């Protein structure tokens, strides 16, 4: 048989993709399709009809996975890195939006993280090893600033000096007590001081009100006086307003010695409570939110020392002054039991009277208790610059009214 009339021309080779699409797989027949080597187990599954068509998968790879796994690729029988398939993604736009969202989340995490510690809302990062309890607070909370907003620029530049320890604010706070001491030893009467306090209170309170109405004025106010402010006062009343108001009330309504001691308690006891509460409050029980036993003990000790120093040393050695007859002292060195108590106990009038160091010690202890109590009490949410002098004055005045 001769094949000269029909030359044999081989068919052109067909190039087949290693990863055929689903349509090609369905259209192909066993005769013209190409299949790579098949294992025995795969052949058995194909014969029983359990083999499923292999379709390309678009896999959503986590940030921690290999970047090479981000592209779409078909499932392979060769060993590959383990990856998690979260489902099919329809378009490239969806993947692009997800990548943008991940980038935003990364930037946000970097902004909220400082020095390797996650931010807790405070300007300063939390102490290393800080683990809040199930109750939501920890002893270390007492050492942190109560103004965590980060709104005043100078607080960001001096985080320790101004924001955390409030050194300029406390220096002003303490200096008022020494100013009262100077006014007392110079013979200035309380009736001469109250007009100046009211003259300063009205414009300061007016300016503080207007700055909340006009943002530009508030920015200028904060820029000039930010070192003396807490950041919680950015959108609230300045503590100076309550300081002047509390000092004016006690100097106007109470006797001279009670008023002077009340302002000194405000100046020195409040500062001592704040300082020692932040330093050692984490080691002592909590009395209420933001108040620790360490701060209250510091206020009590300073209050006892202040009252004993004023009535036991300063007052007997400086005076009398002109005008003291219109502003007499309420404590004259003696304490006596009320008449009904003396009668009930069967004591004579002389037996119910004590004086000297015992009377001074009892009055000093009571002054320290009123100072510490007024510093702890939260009266309708009012500022402690108002409540400390007023409550201390009322407590000392009431004690001397009963036993003086």
Protein backbone atom coordinates (compact mmCIF):
# COMPACT_ATOMS: atom_id res chain seq x y z
CA UNK A 1 0.00 0.00 0.00
CA UNK A 2 1.39 3.38 -1.03
CA UNK A 3 0.98 6.69 0.89
CA UNK A 4 2.55 8.99 -1.73
CA UNK A 5 -0.79 10.64 -2.62
CA UNK A 6 -1.56 11.52 0.96
CA UNK A 7 1.37 13.11 2.72
CA UNK A 8 1.21 12.82 6.48
CA UNK A 9 1.18 16.22 8.20
CA UNK A 10 1.26 16.06 11.96
CA UNK A 11 -1.39 18.10 13.81
CA UNK A 12 -0.12 21.27 15.45
CA UNK A 13 0.54 20.82 19.16
CA UNK A 14 -2.06 22.32 21.49
CA UNK A 15 -0.80 24.48 24.32
CA UNK A 16 -2.82 23.89 27.44
CA UNK A 17 -2.61 26.04 30.57
CA UNK A 18 -1.37 24.23 33.67
CA UNK A 19 -4.41 25.57 35.47
CA UNK A 20 -7.41 25.23 33.12
CA UNK A 21 -10.45 27.36 33.73
CA UNK A 22 -13.74 25.74 34.76
CA UNK A 23 -15.23 26.27 31.26
CA UNK A 24 -12.30 24.53 29.58
CA UNK A 25 -12.55 21.69 32.02
CA UNK A 26 -16.22 21.19 31.26
CA UNK A 27 -15.83 21.46 27.45
CA UNK A 28 -12.88 19.09 27.24
CA UNK A 29 -13.47 15.46 26.43
CA UNK A 30 -11.30 12.61 27.59
CA UNK A 31 -9.90 12.21 24.05
CA UNK A 32 -8.53 15.72 23.39
CA UNK A 33 -7.74 16.88 26.92
CA UNK A 34 -4.44 16.68 28.63
CA UNK A 35 -4.06 15.44 32.17
CA UNK A 36 -0.94 15.23 34.20
CA UNK A 37 0.06 12.24 36.24
CA UNK A 38 -2.70 11.06 38.54
CA UNK A 39 -2.16 9.22 41.77
CA UNK A 40 -4.01 6.02 42.55
CA UNK A 41 -6.11 7.61 45.28
CA UNK A 42 -7.16 10.42 42.93
CA UNK A 43 -8.04 7.92 40.23
CA UNK A 44 -10.22 5.97 42.67
CA UNK A 45 -12.05 9.10 43.74
CA UNK A 46 -12.61 10.06 40.09
CA UNK A 47 -14.02 6.63 39.32
CA UNK A 48 -16.45 6.81 42.24
CA UNK A 49 -17.56 10.31 41.23
CA UNK A 50 -16.35 12.08 44.40
CA UNK A 51 -13.82 14.25 42.64
CA UNK A 52 -14.72 17.94 42.56
CA UNK A 53 -13.72 20.43 39.92
CA UNK A 54 -10.78 22.52 40.97
CA UNK A 55 -11.59 26.20 40.62
CA UNK A 56 -9.30 29.16 41.11
CA UNK A 57 -9.58 30.64 44.54
CA UNK A 58 -9.05 34.21 45.52
CA UNK A 59 -7.80 33.98 49.03
CA UNK A 60 -7.86 36.71 51.63
CA UNK A 61 -4.51 36.49 53.34
CA UNK A 62 -3.87 37.97 56.75
CA UNK A 63 -1.27 40.68 57.31
CA UNK A 64 1.04 38.20 59.00
CA UNK A 65 1.09 35.79 56.05
CA UNK A 66 3.55 35.77 53.17
CA UNK A 67 2.94 38.58 50.62
CA UNK A 68 3.42 36.07 47.83
CA UNK A 69 0.16 34.41 48.88
CA UNK A 70 -1.92 37.56 48.19
CA UNK A 71 -2.37 36.77 44.44
CA UNK A 72 -5.14 34.49 43.20
CA UNK A 73 -4.00 31.01 42.40
CA UNK A 74 -5.52 27.58 42.08
CA UNK A 75 -5.29 24.93 44.69
CA UNK A 76 -2.25 22.74 44.21
CA UNK A 77 -1.31 19.33 45.41
CA UNK A 78 2.27 20.41 45.99
CA UNK A 79 3.37 21.36 49.52
CA UNK A 80 2.64 25.02 50.20
CA UNK A 81 2.68 27.38 53.13
CA UNK A 82 -0.38 27.08 55.32
CA UNK A 83 -2.93 29.79 54.72
CA UNK A 84 -6.44 30.53 55.83
CA UNK A 85 -9.20 30.76 53.22
CA UNK A 86 -11.83 33.28 54.31
CA UNK A 87 -13.99 33.02 51.23
CA UNK A 88 -14.20 34.24 47.65
CA UNK A 89 -13.70 37.90 46.77
CA UNK A 90 -15.51 39.17 43.74
CA UNK A 91 -13.54 42.16 42.48
CA UNK A 92 -10.20 43.88 42.83
CA UNK A 93 -11.96 46.96 44.20
CA UNK A 94 -12.96 45.02 47.28
CA UNK A 95 -9.39 43.94 47.88
CA UNK A 96 -8.14 47.50 47.39
CA UNK A 97 -10.64 48.90 49.89
CA UNK A 98 -9.64 46.25 52.43
CA UNK A 99 -5.96 47.08 52.01
CA UNK A 100 -6.67 50.79 52.53
CA UNK A 101 -8.68 50.02 55.66
CA UNK A 102 -5.82 47.88 57.00
CA UNK A 103 -3.39 50.73 56.39
CA UNK A 104 -5.64 53.12 58.32
CA UNK A 105 -5.88 50.64 61.20
CA UNK A 106 -2.10 50.29 61.31
CA UNK A 107 -1.66 54.08 61.46
CA UNK A 108 -4.24 54.31 64.23
CA UNK A 109 -2.51 51.59 66.25
CA UNK A 110 0.82 53.36 65.88
CA UNK A 111 -0.70 56.63 67.07
CA UNK A 112 -2.29 54.97 70.10
CA UNK A 113 0.93 53.19 71.07
CA UNK A 114 3.67 55.04 72.91
CA UNK A 115 6.97 53.54 74.07
CA UNK A 116 5.69 50.04 73.51
CA UNK A 117 2.62 50.49 75.77
CA UNK A 118 -0.93 50.84 74.55
CA UNK A 119 -2.48 54.19 75.38
CA UNK A 120 -5.19 54.26 78.05
CA UNK A 121 -6.51 57.76 77.23
CA UNK A 122 -4.04 59.59 79.45
CA UNK A 123 -1.46 61.94 78.06
CA UNK A 124 1.34 60.02 79.74
CA UNK A 125 1.68 56.27 78.96
CA UNK A 126 0.69 53.78 81.65
CA UNK A 127 3.24 52.40 84.04
CA UNK A 128 4.96 49.18 82.81
CA UNK A 129 3.26 46.14 84.26
CA UNK A 130 -0.02 48.02 84.79
CA UNK A 131 -2.93 45.57 84.92
CA UNK A 132 -6.30 47.02 85.98
CA UNK A 133 -8.41 44.87 88.25
CA UNK A 134 -11.86 43.51 87.58
CA UNK A 135 -13.35 46.52 89.38
CA UNK A 136 -11.92 48.79 86.68
CA UNK A 137 -9.39 50.70 88.77
CA UNK A 138 -5.97 50.13 90.25
CA UNK A 139 -3.87 51.66 93.02
CA UNK A 140 -1.64 53.22 90.38
CA UNK A 141 -4.55 55.37 89.22
CA UNK A 142 -3.85 57.72 92.11
CA UNK A 143 -0.47 58.73 90.66
CA UNK A 144 -1.85 59.81 87.32
CA UNK A 145 -3.01 63.24 86.36
CA UNK A 146 -6.80 63.69 86.48
CA UNK A 147 -6.69 65.67 83.23
CA UNK A 148 -6.00 63.23 80.38
CA UNK A 149 -7.32 65.15 77.39
CA UNK A 150 -4.09 66.65 75.97
CA UNK A 151 -5.78 69.92 74.94
CA UNK A 152 -3.30 72.47 76.34
CA UNK A 153 -0.12 72.74 74.21
CA UNK A 154 2.27 73.47 77.08
CA UNK A 155 1.16 70.27 78.83
CA UNK A 156 2.44 68.25 75.87
CA UNK A 157 5.86 69.90 76.07
CA UNK A 158 6.22 69.54 79.86
CA UNK A 159 4.45 66.28 80.61
CA UNK A 160 6.17 65.64 83.94
CA UNK A 161 6.72 69.16 85.26
CA UNK A 162 3.33 70.67 84.39
CA UNK A 163 0.93 67.90 83.38
CA UNK A 164 1.77 65.15 85.87
CA UNK A 165 3.07 67.00 88.93
CA UNK A 166 1.40 70.39 88.28
CA UNK A 167 4.34 72.27 89.79
CA UNK A 168 3.33 75.82 88.69
CA UNK A 169 -0.24 75.30 89.85
CA UNK A 170 0.83 73.95 93.24
CA UNK A 171 3.37 76.76 93.69
CA UNK A 172 0.58 79.31 93.19
CA UNK A 173 -1.66 77.31 95.53
CA UNK A 174 0.91 77.28 98.33
CA UNK A 175 1.89 80.93 97.86
CA UNK A 176 -1.62 82.10 98.80
CA UNK A 177 -1.11 80.69 102.31
CA UNK A 178 2.10 82.67 102.73
CA UNK A 179 0.36 85.78 101.39
CA UNK A 180 -2.32 85.35 104.09
CA UNK A 181 0.44 84.95 106.69
CA UNK A 182 2.08 88.20 105.52
CA UNK A 183 -1.23 90.07 105.59
CA UNK A 184 -1.93 88.83 109.11
CA UNK A 185 1.43 89.77 110.63
CA UNK A 186 1.23 93.19 108.95
CA UNK A 187 -2.01 93.91 110.81
CA UNK A 188 -4.38 93.80 107.81
CA UNK A 189 -7.96 93.09 108.83
CA UNK A 190 -10.18 90.67 106.94
CA UNK A 191 -12.68 93.42 106.13
CA UNK A 192 -9.93 95.18 104.15
CA UNK A 193 -9.15 92.10 102.05
CA UNK A 194 -12.63 91.08 100.92
CA UNK A 195 -13.17 94.08 98.57
CA UNK A 196 -9.98 93.20 96.68
CA UNK A 197 -11.04 89.57 96.42
CA UNK A 198 -14.42 90.52 94.98
CA UNK A 199 -12.75 93.04 92.67
CA UNK A 200 -10.59 90.24 91.28
CA UNK A 201 -13.35 87.64 91.23
CA UNK A 202 -15.77 89.56 89.00
CA UNK A 203 -13.45 90.19 86.01
CA UNK A 204 -11.83 86.75 86.25
CA UNK A 205 -15.22 84.98 86.34
CA UNK A 206 -16.48 87.16 83.47
CA UNK A 207 -13.45 86.36 81.33
CA UNK A 208 -13.82 82.68 82.14
CA UNK A 209 -17.44 82.80 81.03
CA UNK A 210 -16.68 84.63 77.78
CA UNK A 211 -13.87 82.28 76.78
CA UNK A 212 -16.39 79.43 76.61
CA UNK A 213 -18.50 81.51 74.24
CA UNK A 214 -15.68 82.45 71.88
CA UNK A 215 -13.18 79.83 70.79
CA UNK A 216 -10.51 82.36 69.78
CA UNK A 217 -10.58 83.91 73.26
CA UNK A 218 -10.38 80.47 74.82
CA UNK A 219 -7.29 79.62 72.75
CA UNK A 220 -5.59 82.87 73.80
CA UNK A 221 -6.59 82.29 77.44
CA UNK A 222 -5.20 78.77 77.43
CA UNK A 223 -2.01 79.89 75.69
CA UNK A 224 -1.32 82.50 78.39
CA UNK A 225 -2.48 80.61 81.51
CA UNK A 226 -2.21 76.97 80.42
CA UNK A 227 0.63 76.22 82.84
CA UNK A 228 -1.65 77.05 85.79
CA UNK A 229 -4.63 75.07 84.49
CA UNK A 230 -5.68 71.48 84.48
CA UNK A 231 -6.74 70.20 81.11
CA UNK A 232 -10.16 69.35 82.53
CA UNK A 233 -10.60 73.12 82.95
CA UNK A 234 -10.23 73.67 79.19
CA UNK A 235 -13.98 73.27 78.76
CA UNK A 236 -14.89 73.98 82.40
CA UNK A 237 -14.53 76.73 84.99
CA UNK A 238 -11.03 77.68 86.07
CA UNK A 239 -10.14 76.69 89.64
CA UNK A 240 -9.05 80.28 90.39
CA UNK A 241 -12.70 81.34 90.30
CA UNK A 242 -13.62 78.89 93.08
CA UNK A 243 -10.45 79.72 95.00
CA UNK A 244 -11.32 83.43 95.15
CA UNK A 245 -14.96 82.69 95.94
CA UNK A 246 -14.10 80.31 98.81
CA UNK A 247 -11.58 82.74 100.31
CA UNK A 248 -14.06 85.63 100.05
CA UNK A 249 -16.83 83.64 101.82
CA UNK A 250 -14.74 82.65 104.85
CA UNK A 251 -13.07 86.05 105.22
CA UNK A 252 -16.41 87.85 104.99
CA UNK A 253 -18.63 85.66 107.18
CA UNK A 254 -16.36 84.05 109.81
CA UNK A 255 -14.32 85.46 112.74
CA UNK A 256 -10.78 86.54 111.97
CA UNK A 257 -8.89 83.57 113.40
CA UNK A 258 -11.25 81.00 111.90
CA UNK A 259 -11.11 82.69 108.49
CA UNK A 260 -7.31 82.91 108.43
CA UNK A 261 -6.89 79.26 109.42
CA UNK A 262 -9.50 78.14 106.84
CA UNK A 263 -7.62 79.85 103.98
CA UNK A 264 -4.32 78.36 105.17
CA UNK A 265 -5.91 74.92 105.26
CA UNK A 266 -7.07 75.42 101.69
CA UNK A 267 -3.61 76.50 100.58
CA UNK A 268 -1.48 73.88 102.31
CA UNK A 269 -3.69 70.87 103.09
CA UNK A 270 -5.05 70.57 99.55
CA UNK A 271 -1.54 70.72 98.10
CA UNK A 272 -0.25 68.13 100.57
CA UNK A 273 -3.15 65.79 99.83
CA UNK A 274 -2.60 66.05 96.08
CA UNK A 275 1.17 65.57 96.29
CA UNK A 276 1.30 62.65 98.71
CA UNK A 277 -1.80 61.06 97.23
CA UNK A 278 -0.11 60.79 93.85
CA UNK A 279 3.16 59.59 95.33
CA UNK A 280 1.90 57.01 97.83
CA UNK A 281 -1.81 56.59 97.12
CA UNK A 282 -1.18 53.37 95.21
CA UNK A 283 0.00 51.71 98.43
CA UNK A 284 -3.01 52.70 100.56
CA UNK A 285 -6.75 51.95 100.37
CA UNK A 286 -8.98 54.04 98.22
CA UNK A 287 -11.54 56.25 99.97
CA UNK A 288 -13.41 57.37 96.88
CA UNK A 289 -12.60 58.02 93.23
CA UNK A 290 -9.40 60.08 93.07
CA UNK A 291 -8.98 60.16 96.87
CA UNK A 292 -6.64 57.85 98.76
CA UNK A 293 -5.86 57.29 102.41
CA UNK A 294 -2.33 58.62 101.88
CA UNK A 295 -3.63 61.97 100.63
CA UNK A 296 -6.16 62.25 103.46
CA UNK A 297 -3.50 61.46 106.08
CA UNK A 298 -1.25 64.13 104.59
CA UNK A 299 -4.10 66.67 104.73
CA UNK A 300 -4.84 65.72 108.34
CA UNK A 301 -1.23 66.05 109.49
CA UNK A 302 -0.72 69.38 107.73
CA UNK A 303 -4.05 70.63 109.13
CA UNK A 304 -3.09 69.74 112.69
CA UNK A 305 0.32 71.40 112.27
CA UNK A 306 -1.18 74.54 110.72
CA UNK A 307 -3.81 75.04 113.44
CA UNK A 308 -1.31 74.35 116.24
CA UNK A 309 1.25 76.72 114.71
CA UNK A 310 -1.26 79.55 114.24
CA UNK A 311 -3.08 79.43 117.62
CA UNK A 312 -0.12 78.20 119.63
CA UNK A 313 2.74 80.25 118.19
CA UNK A 314 1.80 82.94 115.64
CA UNK A 315 -1.28 84.53 117.25
CA UNK A 316 0.16 84.90 120.78
CA UNK A 317 3.35 86.54 119.42
CA UNK A 318 1.87 88.92 116.82
CA UNK A 319 -0.74 91.28 118.12
CA UNK A 320 -3.01 92.72 119.10
CA UNK A 321 -3.45 94.92 116.03
CA UNK A 322 -5.54 98.07 115.51
CA UNK A 323 -9.09 97.05 114.68
CA UNK A 324 -9.02 93.71 116.50
CA UNK A 325 -11.83 94.91 118.75
CA UNK A 326 -14.15 94.79 115.74
CA UNK A 327 -12.70 91.39 114.68
CA UNK A 328 -12.21 89.41 117.91
CA UNK A 329 -10.76 85.92 118.01
CA UNK A 330 -13.14 83.07 118.62
CA UNK A 331 -10.55 80.88 120.38
CA UNK A 332 -9.12 82.47 123.53
CA UNK A 333 -7.13 79.49 124.79
CA UNK A 334 -9.97 77.80 126.72
CA UNK A 335 -12.47 75.08 125.91
CA UNK A 336 -15.44 74.32 128.13
CA UNK A 337 -18.15 71.72 128.16
CA UNK A 338 -21.71 72.89 127.51
CA UNK A 339 -23.71 73.59 130.67
CA UNK A 340 -26.13 70.68 130.19
CA UNK A 341 -23.24 68.24 129.75
CA UNK A 342 -21.52 69.53 132.91
CA UNK A 343 -24.77 69.24 134.87
CA UNK A 344 -25.40 65.75 133.55
CA UNK A 345 -21.90 64.66 134.59
CA UNK A 346 -22.11 66.45 137.93
CA UNK A 347 -19.13 68.70 137.17
CA UNK A 348 -18.66 72.20 138.48
CA UNK A 349 -18.10 75.13 136.16
CA UNK A 350 -14.35 75.09 136.79
CA UNK A 351 -14.11 71.35 136.26
CA UNK A 352 -15.74 71.62 132.84
CA UNK A 353 -13.09 74.02 131.52
CA UNK A 354 -9.74 73.04 130.02
CA UNK A 355 -7.00 75.23 128.67
CA UNK A 356 -3.34 75.34 127.73
CA UNK A 357 -1.79 72.64 125.54
CA UNK A 358 -4.74 70.28 126.02
CA UNK A 359 -7.23 72.76 124.61
CA UNK A 360 -4.84 73.71 121.80
CA UNK A 361 -4.26 70.05 120.99
CA UNK A 362 -7.98 69.25 120.82
CA UNK A 363 -8.67 72.24 118.57
CA UNK A 364 -5.72 71.33 116.32
CA UNK A 365 -6.91 67.73 116.00
CA UNK A 366 -10.40 68.89 115.13
CA UNK A 367 -9.01 71.33 112.53
CA UNK A 368 -7.02 68.54 110.92
CA UNK A 369 -10.10 66.31 110.79
CA UNK A 370 -12.21 69.02 109.18
CA UNK A 371 -9.47 69.74 106.64
CA UNK A 372 -9.09 66.08 105.67
CA UNK A 373 -12.86 65.54 105.63
CA UNK A 374 -13.57 68.59 103.49
CA UNK A 375 -10.87 67.49 101.05
CA UNK A 376 -12.48 64.05 100.65
CA UNK A 377 -16.16 65.03 100.56
CA UNK A 378 -17.71 65.50 97.14
CA UNK A 379 -20.39 68.15 97.70
CA UNK A 380 -22.64 68.30 94.62
CA UNK A 381 -19.57 68.01 92.41
CA UNK A 382 -18.32 71.47 93.44
CA UNK A 383 -14.64 72.34 93.11
CA UNK A 384 -12.58 71.57 96.22
CA UNK A 385 -11.12 75.09 96.12
CA UNK A 386 -14.59 76.18 97.23
CA UNK A 387 -15.60 73.33 99.52
CA UNK A 388 -12.36 73.02 101.54
CA UNK A 389 -12.31 76.57 103.03
CA UNK A 390 -16.08 76.75 103.50
CA UNK A 391 -16.48 73.32 105.13
CA UNK A 392 -13.33 73.80 107.23
CA UNK A 393 -14.58 77.19 108.40
CA UNK A 394 -18.01 75.82 109.24
CA UNK A 395 -16.48 72.87 111.13
CA UNK A 396 -14.08 74.97 113.22
CA UNK A 397 -16.69 77.65 113.87
CA UNK A 398 -19.22 75.03 115.00
CA UNK A 399 -16.68 73.36 117.30
CA UNK A 400 -15.77 76.65 118.99
CA UNK A 401 -19.43 77.65 119.14
CA UNK A 402 -20.16 74.57 121.21
CA UNK A 403 -16.99 74.29 123.29
CA UNK A 404 -15.51 77.80 123.08
